[in-house]
Amino acid sequence: MEVKKRNYTTHIILLFSMLFMLHSQYTTAQNKDNITISATTPLPIGEKVRLLATDDYITNKMIVLCESTISNNHTFQLSTNIKEITLTQMGIRTSRAEFYIVPNWNYSFNVEMDTVLFKLFDPGAYGGFLQIQNLKTDTNDINLKINYFLAFYEAILQEFSYRIVYLKDKECYDTVVQEISKRFPTEYEPTNFYKSYIYYTIAQLDKIIYSKYPDKLYEKYFNNEYVLYNNPAYMHFFKDFYSNYLYASSRISQSMLNEYINTTANYPALFNEVGRDHFLVNERLRELVILYNLWEFTDSEDFNWRNVISLIEYIAQNTHFPEHKKIADNILEIIQNSNSKKLMSEFIFKDEKNKNVKINKLKGKWVYLHFYDNYCDDCIREMLIIKELHAKFKDEITFVSVSLDLEYEQFKKFREAYPLFDWEFVHFNDHYDWLIAMDIFSLPENIILNKDGEIEIRHAPDPDKNLFIFLEKMFHKEEQERINPMFYNRSRE
């Protein structure tokens, strides 16, 4: 009995050991793609730090991978999970710096920036950028390798770009490629991110030299089984090569596009018909080209906008490629946000008395949002025009100037300094995530909201350009045509 008991105990121990090993292996597998970024910085304590990435290189939609806060000892740590090499941006306020992260790597950085420029909404316009120094030198670091390549590439192009771009000098092009090949790998190796980055960067030179021979470019760069969705050099070249391709290709019938886009919105038929073009034989590449071109067609008067959206929705729901579903979903979201669908009722500004201001209080009125900051001289000059427009159109549309001053006190001082500006002023209330979602990173910027509080025009006319004529046409068209029959034609110029 004692022997049996001992054997039973041994089995239990072995069983628990095996379970522990399996759990450890599972945990390791789950965490193997984690990356950690540890950093020190002299920037202000309490500032939020974001790690952003491009969700797809068709729409260039930015997403937040993770966040942290600068601690009392001026350090912060970011941690995220990725499956492949990813180009990211470290964002603090509106300042950003790009770098690549690799699965299962840990990084140690020092992050610095000019403290005066850091306070500006668009510091890059004044030469202010986050400076990231990697404290761990590793010759295998993808950032070091790509930066070294780009430095050499830009230096050699400075010498030869005129002869290549303007003279289409084939001999000069050969010299550049030979010089690059002496120092960097230039062969096609699609499973290697670094080599593919170089290969498709050089492709841009090929496109200049062989612009009259698209077949040659297709055979060299796209006639294969790989689509490198996450490689910015590949996707940049893809978009350059296939931009507006369905509309411009002599091998694709315009009557067919009209039938399957404008008339029937029939995606399976469209997919099959454009597949007759030998540049679109690969079904994965074909669908990506269709998706990209439909995205472009949303701004074209030649295509039925609703049908284009319907086709993109069809791809999102039926595609066999997960990358295409993500792209289609992003396109639809961007269109929804920028074409009169995005409700702003929950967005909260702050006035100069530090009180919250909800945008939905303006429902029932047209609203012109004018974004500015203290350092945007053009924005402030525009306010002199807004003052006149406000006096003329205040019964039809409400003007609201939105301060993007990163320091709230700067906004208050501005209001005290310019009491003659008698329309509503608010502060953006540090909603950086909203700025990212709305893609507001430079000034001037203007938005028009309709009476339902929705975005009617994402990029509204600037006050110093055609805003007066736009508003006259919008609110006083019949009156102006009665007074001056030529008004309508002039308003279209």
Protein backbone atom coordinates (compact mmCIF):
# COMPACT_ATOMS: atom_id res chain seq x y z
CA MET A 1 0.00 0.00 0.00
CA GLU A 2 2.84 2.36 0.79
CA VAL A 3 4.45 1.84 -2.63
CA LYS A 4 1.15 2.53 -4.41
CA LYS A 5 0.64 5.69 -2.38
CA ARG A 6 4.15 6.88 -3.24
CA ASN A 7 3.52 6.21 -6.96
CA TYR A 8 0.23 8.12 -6.79
CA THR A 9 1.97 11.08 -5.16
CA THR A 10 4.66 11.00 -7.84
CA HIS A 11 2.03 11.04 -10.57
CA ILE A 12 0.33 14.05 -8.98
CA ILE A 13 3.63 15.93 -8.81
CA LEU A 14 4.40 15.07 -12.44
CA LEU A 15 0.95 16.17 -13.52
CA PHE A 16 1.26 19.54 -11.78
CA SER A 17 4.75 19.97 -13.24
CA MET A 18 3.43 19.36 -16.74
CA LEU A 19 0.55 21.79 -16.20
CA PHE A 20 2.98 24.43 -14.91
CA MET A 21 5.25 23.95 -17.93
CA LEU A 22 2.30 24.23 -20.32
CA HIS A 23 1.12 27.39 -18.56
CA SER A 24 4.61 28.88 -18.74
CA GLN A 25 4.88 28.05 -22.43
CA TYR A 26 1.45 29.54 -23.06
CA THR A 27 2.31 32.71 -21.12
CA THR A 28 5.60 33.03 -23.01
CA ALA A 29 3.79 32.57 -26.32
CA GLN A 30 1.25 35.20 -25.32
CA ASN A 31 3.95 37.72 -24.35
CA LYS A 32 6.57 37.00 -26.97
CA ASP A 33 5.45 39.92 -29.15
CA ASN A 34 5.43 42.44 -26.29
CA ILE A 35 7.71 45.45 -26.54
CA THR A 36 8.59 47.83 -23.70
CA ILE A 37 9.86 51.37 -24.03
CA SER A 38 11.48 52.96 -20.97
CA ALA A 39 12.38 56.63 -21.23
CA THR A 40 13.69 59.62 -19.33
CA THR A 41 12.72 63.17 -20.28
CA PRO A 42 13.01 66.72 -18.96
CA LEU A 43 9.49 67.48 -20.23
CA PRO A 44 6.84 68.44 -17.65
CA ILE A 45 5.67 65.92 -15.06
CA GLY A 46 2.13 64.65 -15.60
CA GLU A 47 2.11 65.04 -19.40
CA LYS A 48 0.45 62.15 -21.21
CA VAL A 49 2.63 60.16 -23.61
CA ARG A 50 1.02 58.24 -26.46
CA LEU A 51 2.44 55.57 -28.73
CA LEU A 52 0.66 55.85 -32.07
CA ALA A 53 0.80 53.85 -35.28
CA THR A 54 -0.69 54.01 -38.76
CA ASP A 55 -3.54 51.50 -38.76
CA ASP A 56 -3.26 51.10 -42.54
CA TYR A 57 -1.24 52.85 -45.25
CA ILE A 58 -4.21 53.42 -47.57
CA THR A 59 -6.09 55.80 -45.28
CA ASN A 60 -3.12 56.61 -42.98
CA LYS A 61 -5.51 56.52 -40.04
CA MET A 62 -3.64 56.90 -36.76
CA ILE A 63 -4.45 54.73 -33.74
CA VAL A 64 -3.19 54.86 -30.15
CA LEU A 65 -1.35 51.65 -29.22
CA CYS A 66 -0.79 52.56 -25.57
CA GLU A 67 -0.43 55.49 -23.19
CA SER A 68 1.58 56.51 -20.16
CA THR A 69 2.27 59.58 -18.02
CA ILE A 70 5.55 61.30 -17.20
CA SER A 71 6.18 60.44 -13.55
CA ASN A 72 7.63 62.57 -10.75
CA ASN A 73 11.15 61.38 -11.53
CA HIS A 74 10.75 62.41 -15.20
CA THR A 75 10.46 58.89 -16.55
CA PHE A 76 7.74 56.94 -18.31
CA GLN A 77 7.19 53.46 -19.70
CA LEU A 78 5.14 52.26 -22.66
CA SER A 79 4.23 48.66 -23.37
CA THR A 80 2.31 47.16 -26.26
CA ASN A 81 1.89 43.96 -28.24
CA ILE A 82 2.74 43.83 -31.95
CA LYS A 83 3.05 41.01 -34.47
CA GLU A 84 5.46 42.60 -36.93
CA ILE A 85 7.87 45.50 -37.34
CA THR A 86 5.78 48.67 -37.02
CA LEU A 87 6.47 52.33 -37.69
CA THR A 88 5.21 54.24 -34.66
CA GLN A 89 5.06 57.79 -33.38
CA MET A 90 5.71 58.89 -29.85
CA GLY A 91 3.31 61.74 -29.16
CA ILE A 92 3.42 64.22 -26.28
CA ARG A 93 0.80 66.94 -26.64
CA THR A 94 0.97 67.68 -30.39
CA SER A 95 4.69 66.93 -30.76
CA ARG A 96 5.70 63.64 -32.37
CA ALA A 97 8.73 61.60 -33.32
CA GLU A 98 8.80 58.50 -35.52
CA PHE A 99 10.64 55.25 -34.89
CA TYR A 100 10.21 51.55 -35.63
CA ILE A 101 9.47 48.95 -33.00
CA VAL A 102 10.20 45.24 -33.34
CA PRO A 103 8.32 42.38 -31.62
CA ASN A 104 10.00 41.19 -28.41
CA TRP A 105 12.43 44.11 -28.24
CA ASN A 106 12.93 46.47 -25.31
CA TYR A 107 13.96 50.08 -25.81
CA SER A 108 15.60 52.64 -23.55
CA PHE A 109 15.27 56.24 -24.72
CA ASN A 110 16.06 59.77 -23.70
CA VAL A 111 13.34 62.11 -25.02
CA GLU A 112 13.98 65.84 -25.25
CA MET A 113 12.54 68.95 -26.90
CA ASP A 114 12.90 72.72 -26.82
CA THR A 115 10.68 73.65 -23.87
CA VAL A 116 9.46 76.90 -25.50
CA LEU A 117 8.45 75.25 -28.76
CA PHE A 118 6.87 72.41 -26.80
CA LYS A 119 4.16 74.86 -25.72
CA LEU A 120 3.08 75.54 -29.32
CA PHE A 121 0.23 73.75 -31.06
CA ASP A 122 2.29 73.15 -34.23
CA PRO A 123 5.92 73.20 -33.05
CA GLY A 124 7.11 71.47 -36.22
CA ALA A 125 6.29 74.62 -38.19
CA TYR A 126 8.97 76.37 -36.13
CA GLY A 127 11.52 73.55 -36.22
CA GLY A 128 10.46 72.01 -32.93
CA PHE A 129 10.46 68.20 -32.80
CA LEU A 130 10.78 65.53 -30.17
CA GLN A 131 14.35 64.26 -30.09
CA ILE A 132 14.65 60.57 -29.28
CA GLN A 133 18.06 59.14 -28.38
CA ASN A 134 18.39 55.38 -28.04
CA LEU A 135 20.53 54.71 -24.97
CA LYS A 136 21.27 51.15 -26.13
CA THR A 137 23.44 51.01 -29.23
CA ASP A 138 22.72 47.90 -31.29
CA THR A 139 23.86 47.55 -34.89
CA ASN A 140 20.86 45.27 -35.52
CA ASP A 141 18.39 47.98 -34.52
CA ILE A 142 16.07 48.55 -37.50
CA ASN A 143 15.99 52.29 -36.77
CA LEU A 144 19.76 52.58 -36.98
CA LYS A 145 19.86 50.59 -40.22
CA ILE A 146 17.05 52.47 -41.97
CA ASN A 147 18.29 55.89 -40.82
CA TYR A 148 21.77 55.05 -42.13
CA PHE A 149 20.30 54.00 -45.48
CA LEU A 150 18.10 57.11 -45.75
CA ALA A 151 21.00 59.43 -44.90
CA PHE A 152 23.09 57.90 -47.70
CA TYR A 153 20.14 57.80 -50.10
CA GLU A 154 19.26 61.47 -49.56
CA ALA A 155 22.92 62.52 -49.85
CA ILE A 156 23.44 60.77 -53.18
CA LEU A 157 20.13 62.07 -54.54
CA GLN A 158 21.17 65.63 -53.75
CA GLU A 159 23.97 65.16 -56.24
CA PHE A 160 22.07 63.33 -58.97
CA SER A 161 18.36 64.10 -58.53
CA TYR A 162 18.20 66.79 -61.24
CA ARG A 163 19.67 64.49 -63.88
CA ILE A 164 17.39 61.62 -62.85
CA VAL A 165 14.13 63.53 -62.32
CA TYR A 166 14.30 66.12 -65.09
CA LEU A 167 16.68 64.62 -67.66
CA LYS A 168 15.68 60.97 -67.13
CA ASP A 169 19.40 60.14 -67.32
CA LYS A 170 19.61 56.33 -67.36
CA GLU A 171 23.37 56.31 -66.94
CA CYS A 172 23.10 58.51 -63.88
CA TYR A 173 20.36 56.25 -62.50
CA ASP A 174 22.62 53.20 -62.96
CA THR A 175 25.41 54.98 -61.09
CA VAL A 176 23.11 55.76 -58.14
CA VAL A 177 21.81 52.19 -57.91
CA GLN A 178 25.35 50.79 -58.12
CA GLU A 179 26.52 53.06 -55.32
CA ILE A 180 23.60 52.04 -53.15
CA SER A 181 24.21 48.35 -53.91
CA LYS A 182 27.82 48.61 -52.73
CA ARG A 183 26.65 49.51 -49.22
CA PHE A 184 23.14 48.09 -48.86
CA PRO A 185 21.23 44.95 -49.88
CA THR A 186 19.10 45.74 -52.93
CA GLU A 187 17.78 42.29 -53.85
CA TYR A 188 14.12 41.35 -53.63
CA GLU A 189 13.42 39.56 -50.35
CA PRO A 190 9.77 40.18 -49.37
CA THR A 191 9.94 38.47 -45.98
CA ASN A 192 12.72 40.81 -44.83
CA PHE A 193 11.34 44.21 -43.75
CA TYR A 194 14.64 46.07 -44.02
CA LYS A 195 15.56 44.74 -47.46
CA SER A 196 12.02 45.35 -48.74
CA TYR A 197 12.17 48.91 -47.45
CA ILE A 198 15.31 49.54 -49.52
CA TYR A 199 13.97 47.66 -52.55
CA TYR A 200 10.74 49.66 -52.75
CA THR A 201 12.44 52.96 -51.95
CA ILE A 202 14.63 52.47 -55.02
CA ALA A 203 11.45 51.60 -56.93
CA GLN A 204 10.57 55.29 -56.87
CA LEU A 205 13.66 55.99 -58.97
CA ASP A 206 12.69 53.17 -61.33
CA LYS A 207 9.29 54.75 -61.80
CA ILE A 208 10.91 58.00 -62.90
CA ILE A 209 13.27 56.34 -65.37
CA TYR A 210 10.78 53.76 -66.68
CA SER A 211 7.62 55.88 -66.52
CA LYS A 212 6.84 54.92 -70.14
CA TYR A 213 7.24 51.22 -69.38
CA PRO A 214 4.69 50.33 -66.68
CA ASP A 215 4.85 46.65 -67.67
CA LYS A 216 8.49 46.57 -66.64
CA LEU A 217 7.65 48.14 -63.27
CA TYR A 218 4.75 45.76 -62.69
CA GLU A 219 6.84 42.68 -63.46
CA LYS A 220 9.61 43.77 -61.14
CA TYR A 221 7.59 45.02 -58.18
CA PHE A 222 4.06 43.58 -58.18
CA ASN A 223 3.98 40.35 -60.18
CA ASN A 224 4.45 38.18 -57.09
CA GLU A 225 2.40 36.71 -54.26
CA TYR A 226 3.30 39.30 -51.62
CA VAL A 227 1.48 42.46 -50.58
CA LEU A 228 3.52 44.21 -47.89
CA TYR A 229 0.74 46.06 -46.08
CA ASN A 230 2.91 47.12 -43.16
CA ASN A 231 5.95 48.33 -45.09
CA PRO A 232 5.65 52.09 -45.72
CA ALA A 233 8.07 52.03 -48.68
CA TYR A 234 6.04 49.30 -50.42
CA MET A 235 2.70 50.99 -49.74
CA HIS A 236 3.99 54.38 -50.85
CA PHE A 237 5.09 52.89 -54.17
CA PHE A 238 1.84 50.91 -54.48
CA LYS A 239 -0.25 54.07 -54.08
CA ASP A 240 1.93 55.96 -56.52
CA PHE A 241 1.71 53.20 -59.14
CA TYR A 242 -2.00 52.36 -58.79
CA SER A 243 -3.46 55.78 -58.02
CA ASN A 244 -6.69 56.24 -60.01
CA TYR A 245 -5.68 53.13 -61.97
CA LEU A 246 -9.18 51.83 -62.73
CA TYR A 247 -10.14 55.17 -64.23
CA ALA A 248 -6.91 55.82 -66.12
CA SER A 249 -6.05 52.36 -67.49
CA SER A 250 -6.60 51.92 -71.22
CA ARG A 251 -7.31 48.25 -70.53
CA ILE A 252 -10.36 48.97 -68.37
CA SER A 253 -13.59 50.05 -70.04
CA GLN A 254 -15.12 53.27 -68.74
CA SER A 255 -18.55 52.02 -69.73
CA MET A 256 -17.97 48.93 -67.57
CA LEU A 257 -17.00 51.12 -64.58
CA ASN A 258 -20.10 53.21 -65.14
CA GLU A 259 -22.24 50.07 -65.27
CA TYR A 260 -20.87 48.32 -62.18
CA ILE A 261 -20.22 51.41 -60.05
CA ASN A 262 -22.72 54.10 -61.02
CA THR A 263 -25.64 51.99 -62.26
CA THR A 264 -25.71 48.66 -60.41
CA ALA A 265 -23.04 48.94 -57.68
CA ASN A 266 -22.22 45.28 -58.42
CA TYR A 267 -18.96 44.40 -56.71
CA PRO A 268 -18.59 40.74 -57.89
CA ALA A 269 -19.06 41.85 -61.50
CA LEU A 270 -16.63 44.75 -61.05
CA PHE A 271 -14.07 42.44 -59.44
CA ASN A 272 -14.31 39.90 -62.27
CA GLU A 273 -14.20 42.45 -65.08
CA VAL A 274 -11.16 44.42 -63.89
CA GLY A 275 -9.38 41.09 -63.42
CA ARG A 276 -9.03 40.98 -67.20
CA ASP A 277 -6.28 43.57 -66.82
CA HIS A 278 -3.04 41.59 -66.48
CA PHE A 279 -1.79 44.09 -63.86
CA LEU A 280 -4.68 42.90 -61.67
CA VAL A 281 -4.49 39.13 -62.07
CA ASN A 282 -3.52 38.60 -58.43
CA GLU A 283 -6.84 38.63 -56.55
CA ARG A 284 -5.40 40.07 -53.35
CA LEU A 285 -3.68 42.90 -55.21
CA ARG A 286 -6.76 43.42 -57.38
CA GLU A 287 -9.06 43.93 -54.43
CA LEU A 288 -6.59 46.27 -52.76
CA VAL A 289 -6.42 48.37 -55.95
CA ILE A 290 -10.23 48.43 -56.20
CA LEU A 291 -10.50 49.46 -52.55
CA TYR A 292 -7.86 52.17 -52.89
CA ASN A 293 -9.44 53.54 -56.08
CA LEU A 294 -12.93 53.54 -54.57
CA TRP A 295 -11.47 55.57 -51.70
CA GLU A 296 -10.18 58.04 -54.30
CA PHE A 297 -13.51 58.02 -56.17
CA THR A 298 -15.35 59.36 -53.11
CA ASP A 299 -14.07 62.81 -54.14
CA SER A 300 -14.84 62.40 -57.84
CA GLU A 301 -17.89 63.87 -59.54
CA ASP A 302 -17.72 61.09 -62.14
CA PHE A 303 -18.92 58.44 -59.72
CA ASN A 304 -22.10 58.00 -57.72
CA TRP A 305 -20.98 58.70 -54.16
CA ARG A 306 -23.59 56.48 -52.51
CA ASN A 307 -22.78 53.57 -54.80
CA VAL A 308 -19.06 53.93 -54.09
CA ILE A 309 -19.79 53.78 -50.36
CA SER A 310 -22.02 50.75 -50.95
CA LEU A 311 -19.17 48.94 -52.73
CA ILE A 312 -16.75 49.71 -49.91
CA GLU A 313 -19.30 48.39 -47.42
CA TYR A 314 -19.62 45.22 -49.49
CA ILE A 315 -15.85 44.67 -49.33
CA ALA A 316 -15.85 45.26 -45.56
CA GLN A 317 -18.53 42.60 -45.10
CA ASN A 318 -17.40 40.00 -47.65
CA THR A 319 -13.65 40.22 -48.23
CA HIS A 320 -11.50 37.13 -47.68
CA PHE A 321 -8.54 39.29 -46.65
CA PRO A 322 -8.54 40.64 -43.08
CA GLU A 323 -6.23 43.52 -44.08
CA HIS A 324 -8.86 44.70 -46.56
CA LYS A 325 -11.64 44.57 -44.01
CA LYS A 326 -9.60 46.85 -41.73
CA ILE A 327 -8.91 49.27 -44.59
CA ALA A 328 -12.56 49.29 -45.69
CA ASP A 329 -13.74 49.86 -42.12
CA ASN A 330 -11.27 52.73 -41.72
CA ILE A 331 -12.41 54.35 -44.98
CA LEU A 332 -16.02 54.16 -43.88
CA GLU A 333 -15.19 55.61 -40.46
CA ILE A 334 -13.21 58.49 -41.96
CA ILE A 335 -16.02 59.26 -44.40
CA GLN A 336 -18.51 59.15 -41.56
CA ASN A 337 -16.40 61.52 -39.48
CA SER A 338 -15.61 63.97 -42.28
CA ASN A 339 -18.77 64.02 -44.36
CA SER A 340 -21.57 65.31 -42.18
CA LYS A 341 -22.13 62.17 -40.12
CA LYS A 342 -19.98 62.73 -37.05
CA LEU A 343 -22.09 63.94 -34.13
CA MET A 344 -20.22 66.33 -31.85
CA SER A 345 -22.88 66.62 -29.18
CA GLU A 346 -20.65 65.10 -26.47
CA PHE A 347 -17.60 67.23 -27.23
CA ILE A 348 -16.95 69.70 -24.40
CA PHE A 349 -14.99 72.95 -24.81
CA LYS A 350 -14.03 75.39 -22.04
CA ASP A 351 -14.64 79.14 -22.01
CA GLU A 352 -12.45 81.93 -20.57
CA LYS A 353 -14.27 81.62 -17.23
CA ASN A 354 -13.17 77.98 -16.98
CA LYS A 355 -16.72 76.74 -17.52
CA ASN A 356 -17.56 73.76 -19.71
CA VAL A 357 -19.28 74.52 -23.01
CA LYS A 358 -21.09 71.72 -24.84
CA ILE A 359 -21.31 72.10 -28.58
CA ASN A 360 -24.86 70.73 -28.54
CA LYS A 361 -26.04 73.98 -26.96
CA LEU A 362 -25.71 75.41 -30.47
CA LYS A 363 -28.01 72.81 -32.04
CA GLY A 364 -30.61 74.41 -34.26
CA LYS A 365 -28.01 76.82 -35.69
CA TRP A 366 -25.37 76.60 -38.37
CA VAL A 367 -21.94 76.88 -36.75
CA TYR A 368 -18.57 77.93 -38.18
CA LEU A 369 -15.68 76.60 -36.06
CA HIS A 370 -12.50 78.60 -36.57
CA PHE A 371 -9.40 76.99 -35.01
CA TYR A 372 -6.45 79.18 -34.00
CA ASP A 373 -3.67 79.71 -31.50
CA ASN A 374 -1.70 82.73 -30.26
CA TYR A 375 1.20 82.03 -32.61
CA CYS A 376 -0.84 81.74 -35.82
CA ASP A 377 -0.65 85.26 -37.26
CA ASP A 378 -2.79 84.31 -40.25
CA CYS A 379 -5.51 83.01 -37.91
CA ILE A 380 -5.59 86.26 -35.96
CA ARG A 381 -5.71 88.34 -39.16
CA GLU A 382 -8.66 86.17 -40.23
CA MET A 383 -10.51 87.27 -37.10
CA LEU A 384 -10.72 90.81 -38.48
CA ILE A 385 -12.66 89.33 -41.41
CA ILE A 386 -14.72 87.12 -39.11
CA LYS A 387 -15.75 90.24 -37.19
CA GLU A 388 -17.32 91.64 -40.37
CA LEU A 389 -18.86 88.30 -41.33
CA HIS A 390 -20.26 87.87 -37.84
CA ALA A 391 -21.97 91.25 -38.08
CA LYS A 392 -23.49 90.38 -41.46
CA PHE A 393 -24.44 86.70 -40.98
CA LYS A 394 -25.03 86.37 -37.22
CA ASP A 395 -28.71 85.59 -37.77
CA GLU A 396 -27.85 82.68 -40.10
CA ILE A 397 -24.64 81.19 -38.69
CA THR A 398 -22.83 81.27 -35.34
CA PHE A 399 -19.08 81.86 -35.35
CA VAL A 400 -17.01 80.08 -32.69
CA SER A 401 -13.23 80.49 -32.49
CA VAL A 402 -11.59 77.45 -30.90
CA SER A 403 -8.26 78.06 -29.20
CA LEU A 404 -5.67 75.32 -29.63
CA ASP A 405 -3.23 77.01 -27.27
CA LEU A 406 -1.70 74.18 -25.29
CA GLU A 407 -1.51 76.43 -22.22
CA TYR A 408 -5.01 77.42 -21.08
CA GLU A 409 -3.65 80.66 -19.56
CA GLN A 410 -2.53 81.75 -23.05
CA PHE A 411 -6.14 81.46 -24.19
CA LYS A 412 -7.35 83.61 -21.27
CA LYS A 413 -4.71 86.27 -21.96
CA PHE A 414 -5.71 86.37 -25.62
CA ARG A 415 -9.35 87.00 -24.73
CA GLU A 416 -8.33 89.81 -22.42
CA ALA A 417 -6.12 91.35 -25.12
CA TYR A 418 -8.77 91.29 -27.89
CA PRO A 419 -12.14 92.31 -26.41
CA LEU A 420 -13.21 93.72 -29.82
CA PHE A 421 -13.75 90.17 -31.06
CA ASP A 422 -17.33 89.81 -29.88
CA TRP A 423 -18.33 86.30 -30.95
CA GLU A 424 -17.89 83.15 -28.89
CA PHE A 425 -14.40 81.91 -28.00
CA VAL A 426 -13.62 78.55 -26.39
CA HIS A 427 -10.59 76.43 -25.55
CA PHE A 428 -10.21 72.88 -26.92
CA ASN A 429 -9.95 71.67 -23.33
CA ASP A 430 -6.90 69.43 -23.91
CA HIS A 431 -8.86 66.92 -26.03
CA TYR A 432 -5.78 65.58 -27.85
CA ASP A 433 -7.54 62.35 -28.79
CA TRP A 434 -10.19 64.39 -30.59
CA LEU A 435 -7.50 66.30 -32.51
CA ILE A 436 -5.99 62.97 -33.57
CA ALA A 437 -9.38 61.61 -34.65
CA MET A 438 -10.17 64.79 -36.59
CA ASP A 439 -6.66 64.95 -38.10
CA ILE A 440 -6.10 68.52 -36.91
CA PHE A 441 -2.36 69.10 -36.71
CA SER A 442 -1.77 72.45 -38.39
CA LEU A 443 -3.44 75.83 -38.78
CA PRO A 444 -5.54 77.46 -40.08
CA GLU A 445 -8.39 74.93 -39.88
CA ASN A 446 -12.17 75.45 -40.16
CA ILE A 447 -15.28 73.27 -39.86
CA ILE A 448 -18.96 73.99 -40.54
CA LEU A 449 -21.63 72.22 -38.46
CA ASN A 450 -25.24 71.93 -39.60
CA LYS A 451 -28.30 72.57 -37.45
CA ASP A 452 -28.21 69.00 -36.11
CA GLY A 453 -24.74 69.55 -34.66
CA GLU A 454 -23.13 67.33 -37.32
CA ILE A 455 -20.10 68.13 -39.44
CA GLU A 456 -21.44 69.49 -42.71
CA ILE A 457 -18.11 70.59 -44.24
CA ARG A 458 -14.91 69.18 -42.78
CA HIS A 459 -12.57 71.63 -44.52
CA ALA A 460 -14.61 74.82 -44.71
CA PRO A 461 -13.44 77.88 -46.70
CA ASP A 462 -10.95 80.15 -44.96
CA PRO A 463 -12.26 83.59 -43.92
CA ASP A 464 -9.65 85.37 -46.06
CA LYS A 465 -10.42 83.33 -49.16
CA ASN A 466 -13.96 82.52 -50.36
CA LEU A 467 -15.95 82.37 -47.13
CA PHE A 468 -17.95 85.55 -47.83
CA ILE A 469 -19.10 84.36 -51.27
CA PHE A 470 -19.74 80.88 -49.84
CA LEU A 471 -22.01 82.25 -47.11
CA GLU A 472 -23.76 84.63 -49.50
CA LYS A 473 -24.52 81.73 -51.80
CA MET A 474 -25.57 79.56 -48.87
CA PHE A 475 -27.93 82.02 -47.19
CA HIS A 476 -28.66 84.87 -49.64
CA LYS A 477 -28.48 83.18 -53.04
CA GLU A 478 -31.96 84.15 -54.24
CA GLU A 479 -31.53 87.73 -53.09
CA GLN A 480 -28.13 88.07 -54.76
CA GLU A 481 -29.32 86.55 -58.03
CA ARG A 482 -32.24 88.97 -58.05
CA ILE A 483 -29.91 91.93 -57.50
CA ASN A 484 -27.12 90.68 -59.77
CA PRO A 485 -27.81 87.78 -62.19
CA MET A 486 -24.04 87.30 -62.62
CA PHE A 487 -23.58 86.48 -58.92
CA TYR A 488 -24.12 82.72 -59.29
CA ASN A 489 -21.44 82.41 -61.95
CA ARG A 490 -18.95 84.44 -59.94
CA SER A 491 -19.56 82.35 -56.86
CA ARG A 492 -18.44 79.26 -58.76
CA GLU A 493 -15.02 80.66 -59.64
